[in-house]
Amino acid sequence: MSAEVSVPLTTTIPTTEYVVVTEEELERPYRVIIENDDVTPMDFVVLVLLTIFELGFEQSVAIMLEAHHNGRAHVVTLPYEEAQRRVYEAHHAAREAGYPLSFYLEPDA
């Protein structure tokens, strides 16, 4: 005796997430925040802060150490588009090197 099993047909519709940013928000300053992780080497973090965020060596080391000890640190405050561009470049460089280094933006109060 055989039992028939019907498999439901399902379709997956891909979803796209959009972030809508108003012109007012584009002009507003945003804080770039770095998050600590247990994988990315400290010297790589300093290199990213030096080259992509154009910070000085001592400031880069201080930010890296603050993120290391507190879990996160403020890197720089920039207009939205510039902040977003630099975060993208930093994420790209980190992924190319195989590291999970992460930054995010928050509106400046």
PDB file of N, CA and C in Angstrom:
ATOM      1  N   MET A   1       0.840  -1.166   0.000  1.00  0.00           N
ATOM      2  CA  MET A   1       0.000   0.000   0.000  1.00  0.00           C
ATOM      3  C   MET A   1       0.892   1.238   0.000  1.00  0.00           C
ATOM      4  N   SER A   2       0.687   2.116  -0.920  1.00  0.00           N
ATOM      5  CA  SER A   2       1.504   3.324  -0.977  1.00  0.00           C
ATOM      6  C   SER A   2       0.644   4.544  -0.715  1.00  0.00           C
ATOM      7  N   ALA A   3       1.235   5.463  -0.023  1.00  0.00           N
ATOM      8  CA  ALA A   3       0.521   6.692   0.307  1.00  0.00           C
ATOM      9  C   ALA A   3       1.003   7.797  -0.615  1.00  0.00           C
ATOM     10  N   GLU A   4       0.062   8.547  -1.119  1.00  0.00           N
ATOM     11  CA  GLU A   4       0.446   9.678  -1.961  1.00  0.00           C
ATOM     12  C   GLU A   4       0.695  10.895  -1.085  1.00  0.00           C
ATOM     13  N   VAL A   5       1.783  11.517  -1.350  1.00  0.00           N
ATOM     14  CA  VAL A   5       2.128  12.730  -0.609  1.00  0.00           C
ATOM     15  C   VAL A   5       2.153  13.877  -1.604  1.00  0.00           C
ATOM     16  N   SER A   6       1.397  14.888  -1.318  1.00  0.00           N
ATOM     17  CA  SER A   6       1.429  16.041  -2.212  1.00  0.00           C
ATOM     18  C   SER A   6       2.311  17.119  -1.591  1.00  0.00           C
ATOM     19  N   VAL A   7       3.174  17.616  -2.392  1.00  0.00           N
ATOM     20  CA  VAL A   7       4.082  18.670  -1.958  1.00  0.00           C
ATOM     21  C   VAL A   7       3.486  19.996  -2.387  1.00  0.00           C
ATOM     22  N   PRO A   8       3.270  20.881  -1.423  1.00  0.00           N
ATOM     23  CA  PRO A   8       2.696  22.173  -1.808  1.00  0.00           C
ATOM     24  C   PRO A   8       3.664  22.971  -2.674  1.00  0.00           C
ATOM     25  N   LEU A   9       3.122  23.619  -3.643  1.00  0.00           N
ATOM     26  CA  LEU A   9       3.943  24.481  -4.488  1.00  0.00           C
ATOM     27  C   LEU A   9       4.064  25.841  -3.821  1.00  0.00           C
ATOM     28  N   THR A  10       5.276  26.236  -3.610  1.00  0.00           N
ATOM     29  CA  THR A  10       5.501  27.540  -2.994  1.00  0.00           C
ATOM     30  C   THR A  10       6.392  28.367  -3.901  1.00  0.00           C
ATOM     31  N   THR A  11       6.143  29.603  -3.875  1.00  0.00           N
ATOM     32  CA  THR A  11       6.995  30.529  -4.603  1.00  0.00           C
ATOM     33  C   THR A  11       7.533  31.545  -3.623  1.00  0.00           C
ATOM     34  N   THR A  12       8.780  31.826  -3.800  1.00  0.00           N
ATOM     35  CA  THR A  12       9.417  32.828  -2.956  1.00  0.00           C
ATOM     36  C   THR A  12       9.574  34.094  -3.766  1.00  0.00           C
ATOM     37  N   ILE A  13       9.043  35.146  -3.238  1.00  0.00           N
ATOM     38  CA  ILE A  13       9.163  36.442  -3.899  1.00  0.00           C
ATOM     39  C   ILE A  13      10.247  37.209  -3.163  1.00  0.00           C
ATOM     40  N   PRO A  14      11.336  37.520  -3.871  1.00  0.00           N
ATOM     41  CA  PRO A  14      12.412  38.248  -3.197  1.00  0.00           C
ATOM     42  C   PRO A  14      11.933  39.625  -2.744  1.00  0.00           C
ATOM     43  N   THR A  15      12.379  40.002  -1.578  1.00  0.00           N
ATOM     44  CA  THR A  15      12.019  41.326  -1.081  1.00  0.00           C
ATOM     45  C   THR A  15      13.246  42.219  -1.127  1.00  0.00           C
ATOM     46  N   THR A  16      13.001  43.447  -1.372  1.00  0.00           N
ATOM     47  CA  THR A  16      14.062  44.441  -1.393  1.00  0.00           C
ATOM     48  C   THR A  16      13.752  45.459  -0.326  1.00  0.00           C
ATOM     49  N   GLU A  17      14.753  45.738   0.475  1.00  0.00           N
ATOM     50  CA  GLU A  17      14.561  46.715   1.543  1.00  0.00           C
ATOM     51  C   GLU A  17      15.138  48.049   1.082  1.00  0.00           C
ATOM     52  N   TYR A  18      14.344  49.083   1.192  1.00  0.00           N
ATOM     53  CA  TYR A  18      14.775  50.413   0.804  1.00  0.00           C
ATOM     54  C   TYR A  18      14.834  51.299   2.038  1.00  0.00           C
ATOM     55  N   VAL A  19      15.831  52.142   2.063  1.00  0.00           N
ATOM     56  CA  VAL A  19      15.919  53.138   3.119  1.00  0.00           C
ATOM     57  C   VAL A  19      15.671  54.478   2.452  1.00  0.00           C
ATOM     58  N   VAL A  20      14.643  55.145   2.892  1.00  0.00           N
ATOM     59  CA  VAL A  20      14.310  56.441   2.323  1.00  0.00           C
ATOM     60  C   VAL A  20      14.908  57.517   3.219  1.00  0.00           C
ATOM     61  N   VAL A  21      15.712  58.349   2.606  1.00  0.00           N
ATOM     62  CA  VAL A  21      16.366  59.426   3.331  1.00  0.00           C
ATOM     63  C   VAL A  21      15.920  60.741   2.712  1.00  0.00           C
ATOM     64  N   THR A  22      15.349  61.601   3.516  1.00  0.00           N
ATOM     65  CA  THR A  22      14.875  62.889   3.004  1.00  0.00           C
ATOM     66  C   THR A  22      16.056  63.823   2.760  1.00  0.00           C
ATOM     67  N   GLU A  23      15.800  64.870   2.010  1.00  0.00           N
ATOM     68  CA  GLU A  23      16.866  65.835   1.737  1.00  0.00           C
ATOM     69  C   GLU A  23      17.361  66.479   3.027  1.00  0.00           C
ATOM     70  N   GLU A  24      16.454  66.709   3.952  1.00  0.00           N
ATOM     71  CA  GLU A  24      16.842  67.277   5.247  1.00  0.00           C
ATOM     72  C   GLU A  24      17.802  66.334   5.979  1.00  0.00           C
ATOM     73  N   GLU A  25      17.515  65.039   5.904  1.00  0.00           N
ATOM     74  CA  GLU A  25      18.385  64.062   6.559  1.00  0.00           C
ATOM     75  C   GLU A  25      19.743  63.962   5.872  1.00  0.00           C
ATOM     76  N   LEU A  26      19.777  64.187   4.551  1.00  0.00           N
ATOM     77  CA  LEU A  26      21.041  64.150   3.826  1.00  0.00           C
ATOM     78  C   LEU A  26      21.987  65.251   4.293  1.00  0.00           C
ATOM     79  N   GLU A  27      21.435  66.389   4.645  1.00  0.00           N
ATOM     80  CA  GLU A  27      22.254  67.519   5.067  1.00  0.00           C
ATOM     81  C   GLU A  27      22.620  67.447   6.548  1.00  0.00           C
ATOM     82  N   ARG A  28      21.892  66.658   7.284  1.00  0.00           N
ATOM     83  CA  ARG A  28      22.116  66.523   8.720  1.00  0.00           C
ATOM     84  C   ARG A  28      23.394  65.721   8.981  1.00  0.00           C
ATOM     85  N   PRO A  29      24.176  66.082   9.984  1.00  0.00           N
ATOM     86  CA  PRO A  29      25.391  65.306  10.274  1.00  0.00           C
ATOM     87  C   PRO A  29      25.073  63.956  10.915  1.00  0.00           C
ATOM     88  N   TYR A  30      25.867  62.965  10.558  1.00  0.00           N
ATOM     89  CA  TYR A  30      25.733  61.617  11.105  1.00  0.00           C
ATOM     90  C   TYR A  30      27.044  61.193  11.760  1.00  0.00           C
ATOM     91  N   ARG A  31      26.901  60.496  12.859  1.00  0.00           N
ATOM     92  CA  ARG A  31      28.050  59.965  13.588  1.00  0.00           C
ATOM     93  C   ARG A  31      28.369  58.579  13.041  1.00  0.00           C
ATOM     94  N   VAL A  32      29.632  58.355  12.684  1.00  0.00           N
ATOM     95  CA  VAL A  32      30.086  57.028  12.277  1.00  0.00           C
ATOM     96  C   VAL A  32      30.570  56.333  13.546  1.00  0.00           C
ATOM     97  N   ILE A  33      30.016  55.140  13.804  1.00  0.00           N
ATOM     98  CA  ILE A  33      30.350  54.382  14.999  1.00  0.00           C
ATOM     99  C   ILE A  33      31.015  53.080  14.575  1.00  0.00           C
ATOM    100  N   ILE A  34      32.133  52.752  15.209  1.00  0.00           N
ATOM    101  CA  ILE A  34      32.813  51.484  14.971  1.00  0.00           C
ATOM    102  C   ILE A  34      32.428  50.523  16.086  1.00  0.00           C
ATOM    103  N   GLU A  35      32.190  49.262  15.708  1.00  0.00           N
ATOM    104  CA  GLU A  35      31.858  48.232  16.690  1.00  0.00           C
ATOM    105  C   GLU A  35      33.051  47.301  16.860  1.00  0.00           C
ATOM    106  N   ASN A  36      33.308  46.915  18.092  1.00  0.00           N
ATOM    107  CA  ASN A  36      34.389  45.984  18.372  1.00  0.00           C
ATOM    108  C   ASN A  36      33.992  44.573  17.945  1.00  0.00           C
ATOM    109  N   ASP A  37      34.962  43.809  17.499  1.00  0.00           N
ATOM    110  CA  ASP A  37      34.768  42.375  17.276  1.00  0.00           C
ATOM    111  C   ASP A  37      36.032  41.668  17.759  1.00  0.00           C
ATOM    112  N   ASP A  38      35.948  40.377  17.915  1.00  0.00           N
ATOM    113  CA  ASP A  38      37.076  39.620  18.456  1.00  0.00           C
ATOM    114  C   ASP A  38      37.951  39.000  17.377  1.00  0.00           C
ATOM    115  N   VAL A  39      37.769  39.432  16.126  1.00  0.00           N
ATOM    116  CA  VAL A  39      38.497  38.820  15.023  1.00  0.00           C
ATOM    117  C   VAL A  39      39.436  39.806  14.328  1.00  0.00           C
ATOM    118  N   THR A  40      38.948  40.998  14.036  1.00  0.00           N
ATOM    119  CA  THR A  40      39.728  41.970  13.272  1.00  0.00           C
ATOM    120  C   THR A  40      40.947  42.423  14.072  1.00  0.00           C
ATOM    121  N   PRO A  41      42.152  42.297  13.505  1.00  0.00           N
ATOM    122  CA  PRO A  41      43.358  42.732  14.220  1.00  0.00           C
ATOM    123  C   PRO A  41      43.351  44.243  14.463  1.00  0.00           C
ATOM    124  N   MET A  42      43.919  44.628  15.583  1.00  0.00           N
ATOM    125  CA  MET A  42      43.961  46.046  15.957  1.00  0.00           C
ATOM    126  C   MET A  42      44.683  46.884  14.915  1.00  0.00           C
ATOM    127  N   ASP A  43      45.774  46.357  14.345  1.00  0.00           N
ATOM    128  CA  ASP A  43      46.515  47.143  13.357  1.00  0.00           C
ATOM    129  C   ASP A  43      45.705  47.367  12.088  1.00  0.00           C
ATOM    130  N   PHE A  44      44.840  46.413  11.726  1.00  0.00           N
ATOM    131  CA  PHE A  44      43.978  46.605  10.560  1.00  0.00           C
ATOM    132  C   PHE A  44      42.952  47.703  10.834  1.00  0.00           C
ATOM    133  N   VAL A  45      42.392  47.704  12.035  1.00  0.00           N
ATOM    134  CA  VAL A  45      41.425  48.740  12.412  1.00  0.00           C
ATOM    135  C   VAL A  45      42.081  50.112  12.318  1.00  0.00           C
ATOM    136  N   VAL A  46      43.272  50.243  12.857  1.00  0.00           N
ATOM    137  CA  VAL A  46      44.003  51.522  12.805  1.00  0.00           C
ATOM    138  C   VAL A  46      44.252  51.916  11.351  1.00  0.00           C
ATOM    139  N   LEU A  47      44.637  50.963  10.529  1.00  0.00           N
ATOM    140  CA  LEU A  47      44.887  51.254   9.109  1.00  0.00           C
ATOM    141  C   LEU A  47      43.632  51.786   8.420  1.00  0.00           C
ATOM    142  N   VAL A  48      42.482  51.181   8.693  1.00  0.00           N
ATOM    143  CA  VAL A  48      41.211  51.652   8.108  1.00  0.00           C
ATOM    144  C   VAL A  48      40.901  53.071   8.583  1.00  0.00           C
ATOM    145  N   LEU A  49      41.092  53.323   9.863  1.00  0.00           N
ATOM    146  CA  LEU A  49      40.813  54.661  10.393  1.00  0.00           C
ATOM    147  C   LEU A  49      41.757  55.698   9.788  1.00  0.00           C
ATOM    148  N   LEU A  50      43.002  55.319   9.566  1.00  0.00           N
ATOM    149  CA  LEU A  50      43.979  56.227   8.953  1.00  0.00           C
ATOM    150  C   LEU A  50      43.652  56.524   7.491  1.00  0.00           C
ATOM    151  N   THR A  51      43.379  55.474   6.728  1.00  0.00           N
ATOM    152  CA  THR A  51      43.260  55.641   5.280  1.00  0.00           C
ATOM    153  C   THR A  51      41.861  56.024   4.812  1.00  0.00           C
ATOM    154  N   ILE A  52      40.848  55.401   5.350  1.00  0.00           N
ATOM    155  CA  ILE A  52      39.488  55.666   4.863  1.00  0.00           C
ATOM    156  C   ILE A  52      38.859  56.861   5.569  1.00  0.00           C
ATOM    157  N   PHE A  53      39.088  56.956   6.881  1.00  0.00           N
ATOM    158  CA  PHE A  53      38.487  58.060   7.624  1.00  0.00           C
ATOM    159  C   PHE A  53      39.440  59.239   7.791  1.00  0.00           C
ATOM    160  N   GLU A  54      40.665  59.094   7.283  1.00  0.00           N
ATOM    161  CA  GLU A  54      41.664  60.165   7.240  1.00  0.00           C
ATOM    162  C   GLU A  54      41.947  60.778   8.606  1.00  0.00           C
ATOM    163  N   LEU A  55      42.056  59.916   9.617  1.00  0.00           N
ATOM    164  CA  LEU A  55      42.382  60.374  10.962  1.00  0.00           C
ATOM    165  C   LEU A  55      43.882  60.268  11.183  1.00  0.00           C
ATOM    166  N   GLY A  56      44.376  60.980  12.178  1.00  0.00           N
ATOM    167  CA  GLY A  56      45.778  60.880  12.536  1.00  0.00           C
ATOM    168  C   GLY A  56      46.051  59.566  13.253  1.00  0.00           C
ATOM    169  N   PHE A  57      47.330  59.221  13.360  1.00  0.00           N
ATOM    170  CA  PHE A  57      47.713  57.954  13.968  1.00  0.00           C
ATOM    171  C   PHE A  57      47.268  57.861  15.425  1.00  0.00           C
ATOM    172  N   GLU A  58      47.575  58.862  16.229  1.00  0.00           N
ATOM    173  CA  GLU A  58      47.216  58.812  17.656  1.00  0.00           C
ATOM    174  C   GLU A  58      45.705  58.747  17.851  1.00  0.00           C
ATOM    175  N   GLN A  59      44.960  59.508  17.059  1.00  0.00           N
ATOM    176  CA  GLN A  59      43.501  59.484  17.158  1.00  0.00           C
ATOM    177  C   GLN A  59      42.954  58.118  16.737  1.00  0.00           C
ATOM    178  N   SER A  60      43.527  57.531  15.697  1.00  0.00           N
ATOM    179  CA  SER A  60      43.103  56.207  15.234  1.00  0.00           C
ATOM    180  C   SER A  60      43.329  55.152  16.302  1.00  0.00           C
ATOM    181  N   VAL A  61      44.488  55.189  16.942  1.00  0.00           N
ATOM    182  CA  VAL A  61      44.792  54.229  18.003  1.00  0.00           C
ATOM    183  C   VAL A  61      43.836  54.429  19.180  1.00  0.00           C
ATOM    184  N   ALA A  62      43.575  55.675  19.548  1.00  0.00           N
ATOM    185  CA  ALA A  62      42.671  55.962  20.669  1.00  0.00           C
ATOM    186  C   ALA A  62      41.258  55.452  20.380  1.00  0.00           C
ATOM    187  N   ILE A  63      40.760  55.640  19.160  1.00  0.00           N
ATOM    188  CA  ILE A  63      39.427  55.166  18.788  1.00  0.00           C
ATOM    189  C   ILE A  63      39.385  53.649  18.789  1.00  0.00           C
ATOM    190  N   MET A  64      40.413  53.022  18.235  1.00  0.00           N
ATOM    191  CA  MET A  64      40.474  51.565  18.222  1.00  0.00           C
ATOM    192  C   MET A  64      40.446  51.016  19.646  1.00  0.00           C
ATOM    193  N   LEU A  65      41.213  51.619  20.547  1.00  0.00           N
ATOM    194  CA  LEU A  65      41.254  51.148  21.940  1.00  0.00           C
ATOM    195  C   LEU A  65      39.927  51.387  22.662  1.00  0.00           C
ATOM    196  N   GLU A  66      39.296  52.520  22.384  1.00  0.00           N
ATOM    197  CA  GLU A  66      37.993  52.782  22.995  1.00  0.00           C
ATOM    198  C   GLU A  66      36.969  51.729  22.556  1.00  0.00           C
ATOM    199  N   ALA A  67      36.957  51.406  21.263  1.00  0.00           N
ATOM    200  CA  ALA A  67      36.043  50.370  20.773  1.00  0.00           C
ATOM    201  C   ALA A  67      36.394  49.018  21.384  1.00  0.00           C
ATOM    202  N   HIS A  68      37.667  48.748  21.513  1.00  0.00           N
ATOM    203  CA  HIS A  68      38.121  47.477  22.090  1.00  0.00           C
ATOM    204  C   HIS A  68      37.649  47.326  23.537  1.00  0.00           C
ATOM    205  N   HIS A  69      37.747  48.391  24.304  1.00  0.00           N
ATOM    206  CA  HIS A  69      37.400  48.325  25.727  1.00  0.00           C
ATOM    207  C   HIS A  69      35.909  48.532  26.001  1.00  0.00           C
ATOM    208  N   ASN A  70      35.230  49.347  25.184  1.00  0.00           N
ATOM    209  CA  ASN A  70      33.826  49.698  25.448  1.00  0.00           C
ATOM    210  C   ASN A  70      32.827  49.056  24.480  1.00  0.00           C
ATOM    211  N   GLY A  71      33.318  48.356  23.473  1.00  0.00           N
ATOM    212  CA  GLY A  71      32.422  47.706  22.533  1.00  0.00           C
ATOM    213  C   GLY A  71      32.076  48.536  21.311  1.00  0.00           C
ATOM    214  N   ARG A  72      32.267  49.837  21.397  1.00  0.00           N
ATOM    215  CA  ARG A  72      32.000  50.744  20.276  1.00  0.00           C
ATOM    216  C   ARG A  72      32.692  52.071  20.540  1.00  0.00           C
ATOM    217  N   ALA A  73      32.841  52.865  19.472  1.00  0.00           N
ATOM    218  CA  ALA A  73      33.458  54.181  19.620  1.00  0.00           C
ATOM    219  C   ALA A  73      33.014  55.086  18.474  1.00  0.00           C
ATOM    220  N   HIS A  74      32.921  56.358  18.768  1.00  0.00           N
ATOM    221  CA  HIS A  74      32.609  57.370  17.751  1.00  0.00           C
ATOM    222  C   HIS A  74      33.869  57.615  16.927  1.00  0.00           C
ATOM    223  N   VAL A  75      33.743  57.524  15.621  1.00  0.00           N
ATOM    224  CA  VAL A  75      34.893  57.709  14.731  1.00  0.00           C
ATOM    225  C   VAL A  75      34.961  59.149  14.243  1.00  0.00           C
ATOM    226  N   VAL A  76      33.879  59.607  13.612  1.00  0.00           N
ATOM    227  CA  VAL A  76      33.852  60.933  13.004  1.00  0.00           C
ATOM    228  C   VAL A  76      32.396  61.298  12.733  1.00  0.00           C
ATOM    229  N   THR A  77      32.118  62.581  12.601  1.00  0.00           N
ATOM    230  CA  THR A  77      30.784  63.051  12.238  1.00  0.00           C
ATOM    231  C   THR A  77      30.880  63.720  10.868  1.00  0.00           C
ATOM    232  N   LEU A  78      30.004  63.274   9.945  1.00  0.00           N
ATOM    233  CA  LEU A  78      30.043  63.749   8.563  1.00  0.00           C
ATOM    234  C   LEU A  78      28.622  63.897   8.021  1.00  0.00           C
ATOM    235  N   PRO A  79      28.451  64.613   6.901  1.00  0.00           N
ATOM    236  CA  PRO A  79      27.152  64.614   6.231  1.00  0.00           C
ATOM    237  C   PRO A  79      26.803  63.168   5.821  1.00  0.00           C
ATOM    238  N   TYR A  80      25.516  62.864   5.735  1.00  0.00           N
ATOM    239  CA  TYR A  80      25.055  61.491   5.515  1.00  0.00           C
ATOM    240  C   TYR A  80      25.753  60.789   4.352  1.00  0.00           C
ATOM    241  N   GLU A  81      25.740  61.393   3.176  1.00  0.00           N
ATOM    242  CA  GLU A  81      26.298  60.719   1.995  1.00  0.00           C
ATOM    243  C   GLU A  81      27.782  60.419   2.150  1.00  0.00           C
ATOM    244  N   GLU A  82      28.531  61.350   2.710  1.00  0.00           N
ATOM    245  CA  GLU A  82      29.964  61.131   2.924  1.00  0.00           C
ATOM    246  C   GLU A  82      30.191  60.038   3.966  1.00  0.00           C
ATOM    247  N   ALA A  83      29.429  60.074   5.040  1.00  0.00           N
ATOM    248  CA  ALA A  83      29.545  59.048   6.087  1.00  0.00           C
ATOM    249  C   ALA A  83      29.219  57.675   5.507  1.00  0.00           C
ATOM    250  N   GLN A  84      28.143  57.597   4.733  1.00  0.00           N
ATOM    251  CA  GLN A  84      27.731  56.326   4.125  1.00  0.00           C
ATOM    252  C   GLN A  84      28.807  55.807   3.176  1.00  0.00           C
ATOM    253  N   ARG A  85      29.394  56.691   2.383  1.00  0.00           N
ATOM    254  CA  ARG A  85      30.445  56.286   1.432  1.00  0.00           C
ATOM    255  C   ARG A  85      31.645  55.706   2.156  1.00  0.00           C
ATOM    256  N   ARG A  86      32.062  56.358   3.222  1.00  0.00           N
ATOM    257  CA  ARG A  86      33.240  55.880   3.948  1.00  0.00           C
ATOM    258  C   ARG A  86      32.967  54.567   4.681  1.00  0.00           C
ATOM    259  N   VAL A  87      31.774  54.417   5.217  1.00  0.00           N
ATOM    260  CA  VAL A  87      31.410  53.153   5.868  1.00  0.00           C
ATOM    261  C   VAL A  87      31.417  52.031   4.832  1.00  0.00           C
ATOM    262  N   TYR A  88      30.881  52.299   3.649  1.00  0.00           N
ATOM    263  CA  TYR A  88      30.894  51.300   2.583  1.00  0.00           C
ATOM    264  C   TYR A  88      32.334  50.907   2.239  1.00  0.00           C
ATOM    265  N   GLU A  89      33.204  51.892   2.069  1.00  0.00           N
ATOM    266  CA  GLU A  89      34.608  51.612   1.745  1.00  0.00           C
ATOM    267  C   GLU A  89      35.278  50.801   2.847  1.00  0.00           C
ATOM    268  N   ALA A  90      35.003  51.143   4.092  1.00  0.00           N
ATOM    269  CA  ALA A  90      35.592  50.411   5.219  1.00  0.00           C
ATOM    270  C   ALA A  90      35.091  48.972   5.259  1.00  0.00           C
ATOM    271  N   HIS A  91      33.799  48.775   5.054  1.00  0.00           N
ATOM    272  CA  HIS A  91      33.251  47.414   5.038  1.00  0.00           C
ATOM    273  C   HIS A  91      33.842  46.616   3.887  1.00  0.00           C
ATOM    274  N   HIS A  92      33.960  47.249   2.727  1.00  0.00           N
ATOM    275  CA  HIS A  92      34.523  46.571   1.562  1.00  0.00           C
ATOM    276  C   HIS A  92      35.969  46.144   1.828  1.00  0.00           C
ATOM    277  N   ALA A  93      36.771  47.044   2.367  1.00  0.00           N
ATOM    278  CA  ALA A  93      38.174  46.719   2.664  1.00  0.00           C
ATOM    279  C   ALA A  93      38.263  45.582   3.676  1.00  0.00           C
ATOM    280  N   ALA A  94      37.407  45.626   4.684  1.00  0.00           N
ATOM    281  CA  ALA A  94      37.432  44.586   5.719  1.00  0.00           C
ATOM    282  C   ALA A  94      37.034  43.231   5.133  1.00  0.00           C
ATOM    283  N   ARG A  95      35.999  43.195   4.299  1.00  0.00           N
ATOM    284  CA  ARG A  95      35.560  41.917   3.724  1.00  0.00           C
ATOM    285  C   ARG A  95      36.606  41.357   2.771  1.00  0.00           C
ATOM    286  N   GLU A  96      37.239  42.250   2.023  1.00  0.00           N
ATOM    287  CA  GLU A  96      38.314  41.815   1.118  1.00  0.00           C
ATOM    288  C   GLU A  96      39.448  41.169   1.905  1.00  0.00           C
ATOM    289  N   ALA A  97      39.712  41.670   3.102  1.00  0.00           N
ATOM    290  CA  ALA A  97      40.774  41.126   3.953  1.00  0.00           C
ATOM    291  C   ALA A  97      40.282  39.958   4.807  1.00  0.00           C
ATOM    292  N   GLY A  98      38.984  39.671   4.753  1.00  0.00           N
ATOM    293  CA  GLY A  98      38.429  38.548   5.495  1.00  0.00           C
ATOM    294  C   GLY A  98      38.067  38.853   6.939  1.00  0.00           C
ATOM    295  N   TYR A  99      37.810  40.121   7.252  1.00  0.00           N
ATOM    296  CA  TYR A  99      37.489  40.520   8.622  1.00  0.00           C
ATOM    297  C   TYR A  99      36.048  41.019   8.729  1.00  0.00           C
ATOM    298  N   PRO A 100      35.436  40.831   9.905  1.00  0.00           N
ATOM    299  CA  PRO A 100      34.050  41.277  10.105  1.00  0.00           C
ATOM    300  C   PRO A 100      33.917  42.699  10.655  1.00  0.00           C
ATOM    301  N   LEU A 101      34.938  43.515  10.507  1.00  0.00           N
ATOM    302  CA  LEU A 101      34.918  44.884  11.015  1.00  0.00           C
ATOM    303  C   LEU A 101      33.616  45.573  10.608  1.00  0.00           C
ATOM    304  N   SER A 102      32.978  46.257  11.561  1.00  0.00           N
ATOM    305  CA  SER A 102      31.665  46.827  11.287  1.00  0.00           C
ATOM    306  C   SER A 102      31.544  48.260  11.804  1.00  0.00           C
ATOM    307  N   PHE A 103      30.884  49.065  10.993  1.00  0.00           N
ATOM    308  CA  PHE A 103      30.571  50.450  11.334  1.00  0.00           C
ATOM    309  C   PHE A 103      29.078  50.655  11.114  1.00  0.00           C
ATOM    310  N   TYR A 104      28.506  51.627  11.784  1.00  0.00           N
ATOM    311  CA  TYR A 104      27.128  52.022  11.506  1.00  0.00           C
ATOM    312  C   TYR A 104      26.989  53.517  11.727  1.00  0.00           C
ATOM    313  N   LEU A 105      25.870  54.056  11.241  1.00  0.00           N
ATOM    314  CA  LEU A 105      25.605  55.495  11.344  1.00  0.00           C
ATOM    315  C   LEU A 105      24.480  55.742  12.340  1.00  0.00           C
ATOM    316  N   GLU A 106      24.584  56.868  13.023  1.00  0.00           N
ATOM    317  CA  GLU A 106      23.480  57.341  13.848  1.00  0.00           C
ATOM    318  C   GLU A 106      23.408  58.852  13.710  1.00  0.00           C
ATOM    319  N   PRO A 107      22.205  59.419  13.693  1.00  0.00           N
ATOM    320  CA  PRO A 107      22.070  60.865  13.560  1.00  0.00           C
ATOM    321  C   PRO A 107      22.783  61.575  14.700  1.00  0.00           C
ATOM    322  N   ASP A 108      23.437  62.666  14.387  1.00  0.00           N
ATOM    323  CA  ASP A 108      24.107  63.457  15.403  1.00  0.00           C
ATOM    324  C   ASP A 108      23.047  64.279  16.137  1.00  0.00           C
ATOM    325  N   ALA A 109      23.085  64.243  17.438  1.00  0.00           N
ATOM    326  CA  ALA A 109      22.064  64.943  18.238  1.00  0.00           C
ATOM    327  C   ALA A 109      22.219  66.427  18.217  1.00  0.00           C
TER     328      ALA A 109
END
